[in-house]
Amino acid sequence: MTRTRKPRTRKSYRAAFIGVSLLVLGAAVILALSALEDTVVFFYSPTDVAEKGMPVGEYARIGGLVVEGSVSKEGASTIFSVTDTQNSIQVAYGGILPDLFREGQGIVAEGEFEVTGRFEASRVLAKHDENYMPPEVADALKASGQWKETTE
């Protein structure tokens, strides 16, 4: 018994093309996300760090105000604390601090958490306007009354 096949229609070719296209697009998205996974840097406030705890060696950003009276030198590093008015994190930075860095100033630091709980910063950005202040930190500072409006 011989069986005859139906000829393929335009509709079946179109469905096959759409299916293959979606498969290729999905594979491209998965590859792009896996390639970007290592370059993603998360932001944490001192309260986030205190509540969740951070794994040692995790690269992250922290931000808040430099605590008054906390800036000191320890060898080639500058040690200071950053607060969001609820919790503080001690930060060590071995580079040259930005000109706008000072006590009471908003900063964002990038780096890794150490075993001691200290944050070893590889980069420090000083706030000169709200562009460097993450919204979570700005909201916490406004709620505590320590937000300093910039005038232009």
Protein backbone atom coordinates (compact mmCIF):
# COMPACT_ATOMS: atom_id res chain seq x y z
CA MET A 1 0.00 0.00 0.00
CA THR A 2 1.54 3.29 -1.03
CA ARG A 3 0.76 6.41 0.76
CA THR A 4 0.65 9.76 -0.96
CA ARG A 5 1.81 12.85 0.83
CA LYS A 6 0.00 16.11 0.69
CA PRO A 7 1.98 18.91 -0.86
CA ARG A 8 3.20 21.53 1.64
CA THR A 9 1.25 24.72 1.63
CA ARG A 10 2.36 28.31 2.06
CA LYS A 11 0.82 28.28 5.50
CA SER A 12 2.99 25.35 6.65
CA TYR A 13 6.16 27.00 5.29
CA ARG A 14 5.28 30.24 7.07
CA ALA A 15 4.64 28.39 10.36
CA ALA A 16 7.97 26.57 10.05
CA PHE A 17 9.79 29.84 9.32
CA ILE A 18 8.21 31.56 12.34
CA GLY A 19 9.06 28.59 14.58
CA VAL A 20 12.71 28.51 13.50
CA SER A 21 12.97 32.31 13.83
CA LEU A 22 11.65 32.22 17.41
CA LEU A 23 14.09 29.44 18.26
CA VAL A 24 17.06 31.42 16.88
CA LEU A 25 15.90 34.60 18.67
CA GLY A 26 15.54 32.73 21.96
CA ALA A 27 19.02 31.26 21.62
CA ALA A 28 20.47 34.72 20.89
CA VAL A 29 18.79 36.21 23.98
CA ILE A 30 20.09 33.40 26.19
CA LEU A 31 23.63 33.83 24.85
CA ALA A 32 23.52 37.61 25.33
CA LEU A 33 22.25 37.34 28.91
CA SER A 34 24.86 34.75 29.85
CA ALA A 35 27.62 36.96 28.38
CA LEU A 36 26.39 39.99 30.35
CA GLU A 37 25.96 38.09 33.61
CA ASP A 38 29.52 38.78 34.77
CA THR A 39 29.32 42.52 34.04
CA VAL A 40 26.21 43.22 36.11
CA VAL A 41 26.96 45.17 39.29
CA PHE A 42 24.24 45.39 41.91
CA PHE A 43 23.66 48.41 44.17
CA TYR A 44 23.17 48.00 47.91
CA SER A 45 22.46 50.49 50.65
CA PRO A 46 24.06 49.93 54.07
CA THR A 47 20.67 48.72 55.35
CA ASP A 48 20.46 46.15 52.53
CA VAL A 49 23.90 44.86 53.52
CA ALA A 50 22.96 44.71 57.22
CA GLU A 51 19.68 42.89 56.54
CA LYS A 52 20.80 40.45 53.85
CA GLY A 53 24.52 40.10 54.42
CA MET A 54 26.78 39.99 51.39
CA PRO A 55 29.01 37.12 50.25
CA VAL A 56 32.76 37.74 50.45
CA GLY A 57 34.23 38.70 47.09
CA GLU A 58 30.94 39.79 45.53
CA TYR A 59 31.46 42.86 43.34
CA ALA A 60 28.86 45.48 44.15
CA ARG A 61 28.07 49.17 44.55
CA ILE A 62 27.21 50.75 47.86
CA GLY A 63 26.10 54.30 48.45
CA GLY A 64 25.13 56.84 51.04
CA LEU A 65 26.61 59.69 53.08
CA VAL A 66 30.18 59.71 54.41
CA VAL A 67 29.83 59.64 58.20
CA GLU A 68 31.12 62.78 59.97
CA GLY A 69 34.43 62.07 61.74
CA SER A 70 34.92 58.64 60.16
CA VAL A 71 37.62 59.49 57.60
CA SER A 72 41.12 58.28 58.53
CA LYS A 73 44.30 57.00 56.90
CA GLU A 74 45.55 53.44 57.34
CA GLY A 75 48.78 53.07 55.40
CA ALA A 76 48.06 53.89 51.77
CA SER A 77 44.30 53.40 52.23
CA THR A 78 41.66 55.87 53.28
CA ILE A 79 39.13 54.37 55.68
CA PHE A 80 35.66 55.89 56.07
CA SER A 81 32.10 54.85 56.86
CA VAL A 82 29.07 55.24 54.62
CA THR A 83 25.56 55.49 56.06
CA ASP A 84 21.98 55.70 54.87
CA THR A 85 21.09 57.05 58.37
CA GLN A 86 19.95 53.60 59.57
CA ASN A 87 23.12 51.48 59.16
CA SER A 88 26.77 52.07 58.27
CA ILE A 89 29.44 50.20 56.31
CA GLN A 90 33.17 50.71 56.74
CA VAL A 91 34.93 51.31 53.42
CA ALA A 92 38.63 51.12 52.55
CA TYR A 93 39.89 52.84 49.40
CA GLY A 94 43.49 52.84 48.21
CA GLY A 95 43.20 55.31 45.35
CA ILE A 96 43.01 59.06 45.06
CA LEU A 97 39.67 60.32 46.32
CA PRO A 98 37.61 62.67 44.12
CA ASP A 99 37.87 66.42 44.81
CA LEU A 100 34.25 66.53 45.95
CA PHE A 101 34.76 63.80 48.56
CA ARG A 102 34.23 65.03 52.13
CA GLU A 103 32.41 64.12 55.31
CA GLY A 104 28.64 64.47 55.03
CA GLN A 105 28.87 64.14 51.24
CA GLY A 106 26.97 61.53 49.25
CA ILE A 107 29.12 58.91 47.51
CA VAL A 108 28.83 55.68 45.55
CA ALA A 109 31.64 53.13 45.91
CA GLU A 110 32.29 50.07 43.75
CA GLY A 111 34.24 47.11 45.06
CA GLU A 112 34.06 43.85 47.01
CA PHE A 113 33.15 42.76 50.50
CA GLU A 114 35.97 41.34 52.64
CA VAL A 115 35.85 38.60 55.28
CA THR A 116 36.04 41.27 58.01
CA GLY A 117 32.81 42.88 56.75
CA ARG A 118 34.68 45.88 55.38
CA PHE A 119 33.99 47.01 51.83
CA GLU A 120 37.20 47.25 49.75
CA ALA A 121 36.42 49.93 47.17
CA SER A 122 38.10 49.96 43.78
CA ARG A 123 36.30 53.14 42.70
CA VAL A 124 34.65 56.02 44.56
CA LEU A 125 32.28 58.53 42.96
CA ALA A 126 31.45 61.69 44.90
CA LYS A 127 27.98 63.16 44.55
CA HIS A 128 27.92 66.59 43.00
CA ASP A 129 24.25 66.36 42.09
CA GLU A 130 21.49 63.77 42.18
CA ASN A 131 22.94 61.94 39.14
CA TYR A 132 25.25 59.86 41.39
CA MET A 133 22.74 59.23 44.16
CA PRO A 134 20.69 56.06 43.74
CA PRO A 135 16.96 56.67 44.29
CA GLU A 136 16.81 54.29 47.29
CA VAL A 137 19.50 56.23 49.15
CA ALA A 138 18.04 59.61 48.18
CA ASP A 139 14.62 58.56 49.48
CA ALA A 140 16.12 57.33 52.77
CA LEU A 141 18.03 60.60 53.22
CA LYS A 142 14.96 62.70 52.43
CA ALA A 143 12.89 60.69 54.93
CA SER A 144 15.51 61.23 57.66
CA GLY A 145 15.77 64.97 56.96
CA GLN A 146 19.47 64.82 56.03
CA TRP A 147 18.96 65.43 52.29
CA LYS A 148 20.75 68.54 51.09
CA GLU A 149 19.07 70.11 48.09
CA THR A 150 21.45 71.41 45.46
CA THR A 151 20.80 74.96 44.25
CA GLU A 152 21.70 76.07 40.79
